[in-house]
Amino acid sequence: MPKLKTKKAIAKRFKLTKGGKIKRPHAYHGHILSKKSRRRKRGLRKSDLVHHSDLKKIISWLPYGNK
């Protein structure tokens, strides 16, 4: 059986934690920041975890994990 290929676009956006969860960056923090409040922009800086309903799909795109 051939090697599985990692989806490189996904590998750049998601990181695997030690506990097997997947971290992701927040959206809406790239541009048009003037109308967003300081508090909102500060919250968007932090990473978040992928929802459990999407885990199976994203893990299938990262067959060997993403360290």
PDB file of N, CA and C in Angstrom:
ATOM      1  N   MET A   1       0.841  -1.184   0.000  1.00  0.00           N
ATOM      2  CA  MET A   1       0.000   0.000   0.000  1.00  0.00           C
ATOM      3  C   MET A   1       0.886   1.248   0.000  1.00  0.00           C
ATOM      4  N   PRO A   2       0.587   2.252  -0.836  1.00  0.00           N
ATOM      5  CA  PRO A   2       1.443   3.433  -0.905  1.00  0.00           C
ATOM      6  C   PRO A   2       1.315   4.313   0.341  1.00  0.00           C
ATOM      7  N   LYS A   3       2.286   5.178   0.494  1.00  0.00           N
ATOM      8  CA  LYS A   3       2.241   6.132   1.605  1.00  0.00           C
ATOM      9  C   LYS A   3       1.052   7.061   1.439  1.00  0.00           C
ATOM     10  N   LEU A   4       0.505   7.506   2.565  1.00  0.00           N
ATOM     11  CA  LEU A   4      -0.581   8.478   2.519  1.00  0.00           C
ATOM     12  C   LEU A   4       0.006   9.869   2.429  1.00  0.00           C
ATOM     13  N   LYS A   5      -0.592  10.715   1.623  1.00  0.00           N
ATOM     14  CA  LYS A   5      -0.103  12.084   1.499  1.00  0.00           C
ATOM     15  C   LYS A   5      -0.865  12.996   2.456  1.00  0.00           C
ATOM     16  N   THR A   6      -0.131  13.900   3.084  1.00  0.00           N
ATOM     17  CA  THR A   6      -0.724  14.894   3.969  1.00  0.00           C
ATOM     18  C   THR A   6      -1.246  16.046   3.125  1.00  0.00           C
ATOM     19  N   LYS A   7      -2.436  16.553   3.473  1.00  0.00           N
ATOM     20  CA  LYS A   7      -2.942  17.766   2.823  1.00  0.00           C
ATOM     21  C   LYS A   7      -2.144  18.937   3.379  1.00  0.00           C
ATOM     22  N   LYS A   8      -1.263  19.508   2.567  1.00  0.00           N
ATOM     23  CA  LYS A   8      -0.333  20.530   3.043  1.00  0.00           C
ATOM     24  C   LYS A   8      -1.042  21.795   3.492  1.00  0.00           C
ATOM     25  N   ALA A   9      -2.132  22.161   2.857  1.00  0.00           N
ATOM     26  CA  ALA A   9      -2.875  23.357   3.270  1.00  0.00           C
ATOM     27  C   ALA A   9      -3.419  23.180   4.688  1.00  0.00           C
ATOM     28  N   ILE A  10      -3.843  21.969   5.013  1.00  0.00           N
ATOM     29  CA  ILE A  10      -4.363  21.678   6.345  1.00  0.00           C
ATOM     30  C   ILE A  10      -3.219  21.637   7.353  1.00  0.00           C
ATOM     31  N   ALA A  11      -2.096  21.062   6.966  1.00  0.00           N
ATOM     32  CA  ALA A  11      -0.949  20.936   7.876  1.00  0.00           C
ATOM     33  C   ALA A  11      -0.423  22.303   8.301  1.00  0.00           C
ATOM     34  N   LYS A  12      -0.564  23.308   7.441  1.00  0.00           N
ATOM     35  CA  LYS A  12      -0.093  24.651   7.768  1.00  0.00           C
ATOM     36  C   LYS A  12      -1.035  25.367   8.731  1.00  0.00           C
ATOM     37  N   ARG A  13      -2.279  24.947   8.790  1.00  0.00           N
ATOM     38  CA  ARG A  13      -3.281  25.661   9.573  1.00  0.00           C
ATOM     39  C   ARG A  13      -3.609  25.021  10.917  1.00  0.00           C
ATOM     40  N   PHE A  14      -3.350  23.736  11.058  1.00  0.00           N
ATOM     41  CA  PHE A  14      -3.737  23.017  12.267  1.00  0.00           C
ATOM     42  C   PHE A  14      -2.529  22.364  12.916  1.00  0.00           C
ATOM     43  N   LYS A  15      -2.527  22.303  14.252  1.00  0.00           N
ATOM     44  CA  LYS A  15      -1.460  21.637  14.999  1.00  0.00           C
ATOM     45  C   LYS A  15      -2.090  20.636  15.956  1.00  0.00           C
ATOM     46  N   LEU A  16      -1.434  19.503  16.110  1.00  0.00           N
ATOM     47  CA  LEU A  16      -1.902  18.463  17.014  1.00  0.00           C
ATOM     48  C   LEU A  16      -1.343  18.716  18.410  1.00  0.00           C
ATOM     49  N   THR A  17      -2.173  18.618  19.451  1.00  0.00           N
ATOM     50  CA  THR A  17      -1.702  18.762  20.825  1.00  0.00           C
ATOM     51  C   THR A  17      -1.280  17.392  21.349  1.00  0.00           C
ATOM     52  N   LYS A  18      -0.623  17.379  22.495  1.00  0.00           N
ATOM     53  CA  LYS A  18      -0.196  16.106  23.085  1.00  0.00           C
ATOM     54  C   LYS A  18      -1.377  15.210  23.422  1.00  0.00           C
ATOM     55  N   GLY A  19      -2.483  15.818  23.793  1.00  0.00           N
ATOM     56  CA  GLY A  19      -3.672  15.058  24.174  1.00  0.00           C
ATOM     57  C   GLY A  19      -4.484  14.556  23.001  1.00  0.00           C
ATOM     58  N   GLY A  20      -4.028  14.841  21.771  1.00  0.00           N
ATOM     59  CA  GLY A  20      -4.728  14.349  20.594  1.00  0.00           C
ATOM     60  C   GLY A  20      -5.778  15.304  20.054  1.00  0.00           C
ATOM     61  N   LYS A  21      -5.876  16.489  20.676  1.00  0.00           N
ATOM     62  CA  LYS A  21      -6.818  17.484  20.161  1.00  0.00           C
ATOM     63  C   LYS A  21      -6.125  18.283  19.065  1.00  0.00           C
ATOM     64  N   ILE A  22      -6.889  19.058  18.331  1.00  0.00           N
ATOM     65  CA  ILE A  22      -6.321  19.834  17.237  1.00  0.00           C
ATOM     66  C   ILE A  22      -6.574  21.320  17.484  1.00  0.00           C
ATOM     67  N   LYS A  23      -5.477  22.100  17.449  1.00  0.00           N
ATOM     68  CA  LYS A  23      -5.562  23.544  17.629  1.00  0.00           C
ATOM     69  C   LYS A  23      -5.739  24.204  16.275  1.00  0.00           C
ATOM     70  N   ARG A  24      -6.460  25.326  16.282  1.00  0.00           N
ATOM     71  CA  ARG A  24      -6.671  26.086  15.056  1.00  0.00           C
ATOM     72  C   ARG A  24      -6.633  27.572  15.385  1.00  0.00           C
ATOM     73  N   PRO A  25      -6.235  28.408  14.412  1.00  0.00           N
ATOM     74  CA  PRO A  25      -6.287  29.848  14.643  1.00  0.00           C
ATOM     75  C   PRO A  25      -7.704  30.371  14.438  1.00  0.00           C
ATOM     76  N   HIS A  26      -7.985  31.533  15.004  1.00  0.00           N
ATOM     77  CA  HIS A  26      -9.279  32.163  14.792  1.00  0.00           C
ATOM     78  C   HIS A  26      -9.330  32.828  13.418  1.00  0.00           C
ATOM     79  N   ALA A  27     -10.504  32.884  12.849  1.00  0.00           N
ATOM     80  CA  ALA A  27     -10.727  33.619  11.606  1.00  0.00           C
ATOM     81  C   ALA A  27     -11.022  35.084  11.936  1.00  0.00           C
ATOM     82  N   TYR A  28     -11.144  35.912  10.913  1.00  0.00           N
ATOM     83  CA  TYR A  28     -11.532  37.322  11.036  1.00  0.00           C
ATOM     84  C   TYR A  28     -10.487  38.184  11.729  1.00  0.00           C
ATOM     85  N   HIS A  29      -9.218  37.824  11.642  1.00  0.00           N
ATOM     86  CA  HIS A  29      -8.183  38.646  12.256  1.00  0.00           C
ATOM     87  C   HIS A  29      -7.131  39.043  11.231  1.00  0.00           C
ATOM     88  N   GLY A  30      -7.462  38.986   9.954  1.00  0.00           N
ATOM     89  CA  GLY A  30      -6.489  39.273   8.917  1.00  0.00           C
ATOM     90  C   GLY A  30      -6.528  40.699   8.406  1.00  0.00           C
ATOM     91  N   HIS A  31      -7.708  41.261   8.228  1.00  0.00           N
ATOM     92  CA  HIS A  31      -7.830  42.617   7.698  1.00  0.00           C
ATOM     93  C   HIS A  31      -9.169  43.192   8.129  1.00  0.00           C
ATOM     94  N   ILE A  32      -9.409  44.443   7.787  1.00  0.00           N
ATOM     95  CA  ILE A  32     -10.592  45.215   8.224  1.00  0.00           C
ATOM     96  C   ILE A  32     -10.686  45.163   9.754  1.00  0.00           C
ATOM     97  N   LEU A  33      -9.601  45.574  10.396  1.00  0.00           N
ATOM     98  CA  LEU A  33      -9.543  45.496  11.854  1.00  0.00           C
ATOM     99  C   LEU A  33     -10.015  46.783  12.525  1.00  0.00           C
ATOM    100  N   SER A  34     -10.170  47.852  11.756  1.00  0.00           N
ATOM    101  CA  SER A  34     -10.506  49.144  12.368  1.00  0.00           C
ATOM    102  C   SER A  34     -11.901  49.148  12.990  1.00  0.00           C
ATOM    103  N   LYS A  35     -12.819  48.387  12.423  1.00  0.00           N
ATOM    104  CA  LYS A  35     -14.180  48.389  12.971  1.00  0.00           C
ATOM    105  C   LYS A  35     -14.360  47.384  14.112  1.00  0.00           C
ATOM    106  N   LYS A  36     -13.353  46.569  14.378  1.00  0.00           N
ATOM    107  CA  LYS A  36     -13.452  45.585  15.456  1.00  0.00           C
ATOM    108  C   LYS A  36     -12.884  46.175  16.742  1.00  0.00           C
ATOM    109  N   SER A  37     -13.503  45.832  17.854  1.00  0.00           N
ATOM    110  CA  SER A  37     -13.073  46.385  19.137  1.00  0.00           C
ATOM    111  C   SER A  37     -11.748  45.761  19.577  1.00  0.00           C
ATOM    112  N   ARG A  38     -11.060  46.452  20.483  1.00  0.00           N
ATOM    113  CA  ARG A  38      -9.797  45.921  21.006  1.00  0.00           C
ATOM    114  C   ARG A  38     -10.003  44.573  21.667  1.00  0.00           C
ATOM    115  N   ARG A  39     -11.084  44.487  22.414  1.00  0.00           N
ATOM    116  CA  ARG A  39     -11.372  43.238  23.131  1.00  0.00           C
ATOM    117  C   ARG A  39     -11.569  42.078  22.157  1.00  0.00           C
ATOM    118  N   ARG A  40     -12.289  42.337  21.081  1.00  0.00           N
ATOM    119  CA  ARG A  40     -12.548  41.298  20.079  1.00  0.00           C
ATOM    120  C   ARG A  40     -11.259  40.869  19.383  1.00  0.00           C
ATOM    121  N   LYS A  41     -10.419  41.839  19.006  1.00  0.00           N
ATOM    122  CA  LYS A  41      -9.156  41.526  18.333  1.00  0.00           C
ATOM    123  C   LYS A  41      -8.211  40.762  19.257  1.00  0.00           C
ATOM    124  N   ARG A  42      -8.222  41.106  20.520  1.00  0.00           N
ATOM    125  CA  ARG A  42      -7.381  40.424  21.503  1.00  0.00           C
ATOM    126  C   ARG A  42      -7.805  38.961  21.622  1.00  0.00           C
ATOM    127  N   GLY A  43      -9.105  38.712  21.604  1.00  0.00           N
ATOM    128  CA  GLY A  43      -9.606  37.340  21.686  1.00  0.00           C
ATOM    129  C   GLY A  43      -9.296  36.523  20.446  1.00  0.00           C
ATOM    130  N   LEU A  44      -9.236  37.202  19.298  1.00  0.00           N
ATOM    131  CA  LEU A  44      -8.971  36.506  18.041  1.00  0.00           C
ATOM    132  C   LEU A  44      -7.508  36.090  17.907  1.00  0.00           C
ATOM    133  N   ARG A  45      -6.624  36.701  18.713  1.00  0.00           N
ATOM    134  CA  ARG A  45      -5.199  36.327  18.666  1.00  0.00           C
ATOM    135  C   ARG A  45      -4.962  34.905  19.157  1.00  0.00           C
ATOM    136  N   LYS A  46      -5.745  34.490  20.128  1.00  0.00           N
ATOM    137  CA  LYS A  46      -5.537  33.191  20.762  1.00  0.00           C
ATOM    138  C   LYS A  46      -6.040  32.073  19.857  1.00  0.00           C
ATOM    139  N   SER A  47      -5.424  30.917  19.988  1.00  0.00           N
ATOM    140  CA  SER A  47      -5.885  29.771  19.202  1.00  0.00           C
ATOM    141  C   SER A  47      -7.059  29.102  19.929  1.00  0.00           C
ATOM    142  N   ASP A  48      -7.746  28.263  19.203  1.00  0.00           N
ATOM    143  CA  ASP A  48      -8.908  27.570  19.735  1.00  0.00           C
ATOM    144  C   ASP A  48      -8.804  26.104  19.332  1.00  0.00           C
ATOM    145  N   LEU A  49      -9.653  25.273  19.877  1.00  0.00           N
ATOM    146  CA  LEU A  49      -9.661  23.858  19.517  1.00  0.00           C
ATOM    147  C   LEU A  49     -10.725  23.598  18.456  1.00  0.00           C
ATOM    148  N   VAL A  50     -10.464  22.631  17.617  1.00  0.00           N
ATOM    149  CA  VAL A  50     -11.417  22.228  16.591  1.00  0.00           C
ATOM    150  C   VAL A  50     -12.579  21.511  17.270  1.00  0.00           C
ATOM    151  N   HIS A  51     -13.782  21.766  16.795  1.00  0.00           N
ATOM    152  CA  HIS A  51     -14.972  21.137  17.362  1.00  0.00           C
ATOM    153  C   HIS A  51     -14.929  19.628  17.146  1.00  0.00           C
ATOM    154  N   HIS A  52     -15.460  18.886  18.099  1.00  0.00           N
ATOM    155  CA  HIS A  52     -15.369  17.419  18.043  1.00  0.00           C
ATOM    156  C   HIS A  52     -16.051  16.831  16.815  1.00  0.00           C
ATOM    157  N   SER A  53     -17.046  17.538  16.258  1.00  0.00           N
ATOM    158  CA  SER A  53     -17.726  17.005  15.076  1.00  0.00           C
ATOM    159  C   SER A  53     -16.849  17.077  13.823  1.00  0.00           C
ATOM    160  N   ASP A  54     -15.806  17.909  13.841  1.00  0.00           N
ATOM    161  CA  ASP A  54     -14.912  18.036  12.690  1.00  0.00           C
ATOM    162  C   ASP A  54     -13.600  17.280  12.861  1.00  0.00           C
ATOM    163  N   LEU A  55     -13.343  16.730  14.039  1.00  0.00           N
ATOM    164  CA  LEU A  55     -12.062  16.080  14.327  1.00  0.00           C
ATOM    165  C   LEU A  55     -11.744  14.940  13.374  1.00  0.00           C
ATOM    166  N   LYS A  56     -12.696  14.065  13.148  1.00  0.00           N
ATOM    167  CA  LYS A  56     -12.455  12.870  12.334  1.00  0.00           C
ATOM    168  C   LYS A  56     -12.020  13.254  10.918  1.00  0.00           C
ATOM    169  N   LYS A  57     -12.680  14.277  10.359  1.00  0.00           N
ATOM    170  CA  LYS A  57     -12.378  14.720   9.007  1.00  0.00           C
ATOM    171  C   LYS A  57     -10.967  15.304   8.921  1.00  0.00           C
ATOM    172  N   ILE A  58     -10.600  16.160   9.886  1.00  0.00           N
ATOM    173  CA  ILE A  58      -9.289  16.811   9.840  1.00  0.00           C
ATOM    174  C   ILE A  58      -8.173  15.814  10.121  1.00  0.00           C
ATOM    175  N   ILE A  59      -8.399  14.886  11.019  1.00  0.00           N
ATOM    176  CA  ILE A  59      -7.388  13.858  11.305  1.00  0.00           C
ATOM    177  C   ILE A  59      -7.142  12.995  10.074  1.00  0.00           C
ATOM    178  N   SER A  60      -8.180  12.770   9.263  1.00  0.00           N
ATOM    179  CA  SER A  60      -7.975  11.976   8.046  1.00  0.00           C
ATOM    180  C   SER A  60      -7.113  12.714   7.038  1.00  0.00           C
ATOM    181  N   TRP A  61      -7.087  14.041   7.102  1.00  0.00           N
ATOM    182  CA  TRP A  61      -6.236  14.833   6.210  1.00  0.00           C
ATOM    183  C   TRP A  61      -4.813  14.945   6.734  1.00  0.00           C
ATOM    184  N   LEU A  62      -4.597  14.585   8.004  1.00  0.00           N
ATOM    185  CA  LEU A  62      -3.273  14.597   8.623  1.00  0.00           C
ATOM    186  C   LEU A  62      -2.928  13.169   9.010  1.00  0.00           C
ATOM    187  N   PRO A  63      -2.644  12.300   8.065  1.00  0.00           N
ATOM    188  CA  PRO A  63      -2.532  10.876   8.372  1.00  0.00           C
ATOM    189  C   PRO A  63      -1.404  10.521   9.343  1.00  0.00           C
ATOM    190  N   TYR A  64      -0.327  11.300   9.352  1.00  0.00           N
ATOM    191  CA  TYR A  64       0.793  10.957  10.229  1.00  0.00           C
ATOM    192  C   TYR A  64       0.948  11.956  11.354  1.00  0.00           C
ATOM    193  N   GLY A  65      -0.073  12.716  11.639  1.00  0.00           N
ATOM    194  CA  GLY A  65       0.018  13.748  12.659  1.00  0.00           C
ATOM    195  C   GLY A  65       0.743  14.956  12.095  1.00  0.00           C
ATOM    196  N   ASN A  66       0.812  15.989  12.896  1.00  0.00           N
ATOM    197  CA  ASN A  66       1.420  17.234  12.428  1.00  0.00           C
ATOM    198  C   ASN A  66       2.184  17.835  13.586  1.00  0.00           C
ATOM    199  N   LYS A  67       3.474  17.559  13.657  1.00  0.00           N
ATOM    200  CA  LYS A  67       4.290  18.019  14.785  1.00  0.00           C
ATOM    201  C   LYS A  67       4.960  19.328  14.460  1.00  0.00           C
TER     202      LYS A  67
END
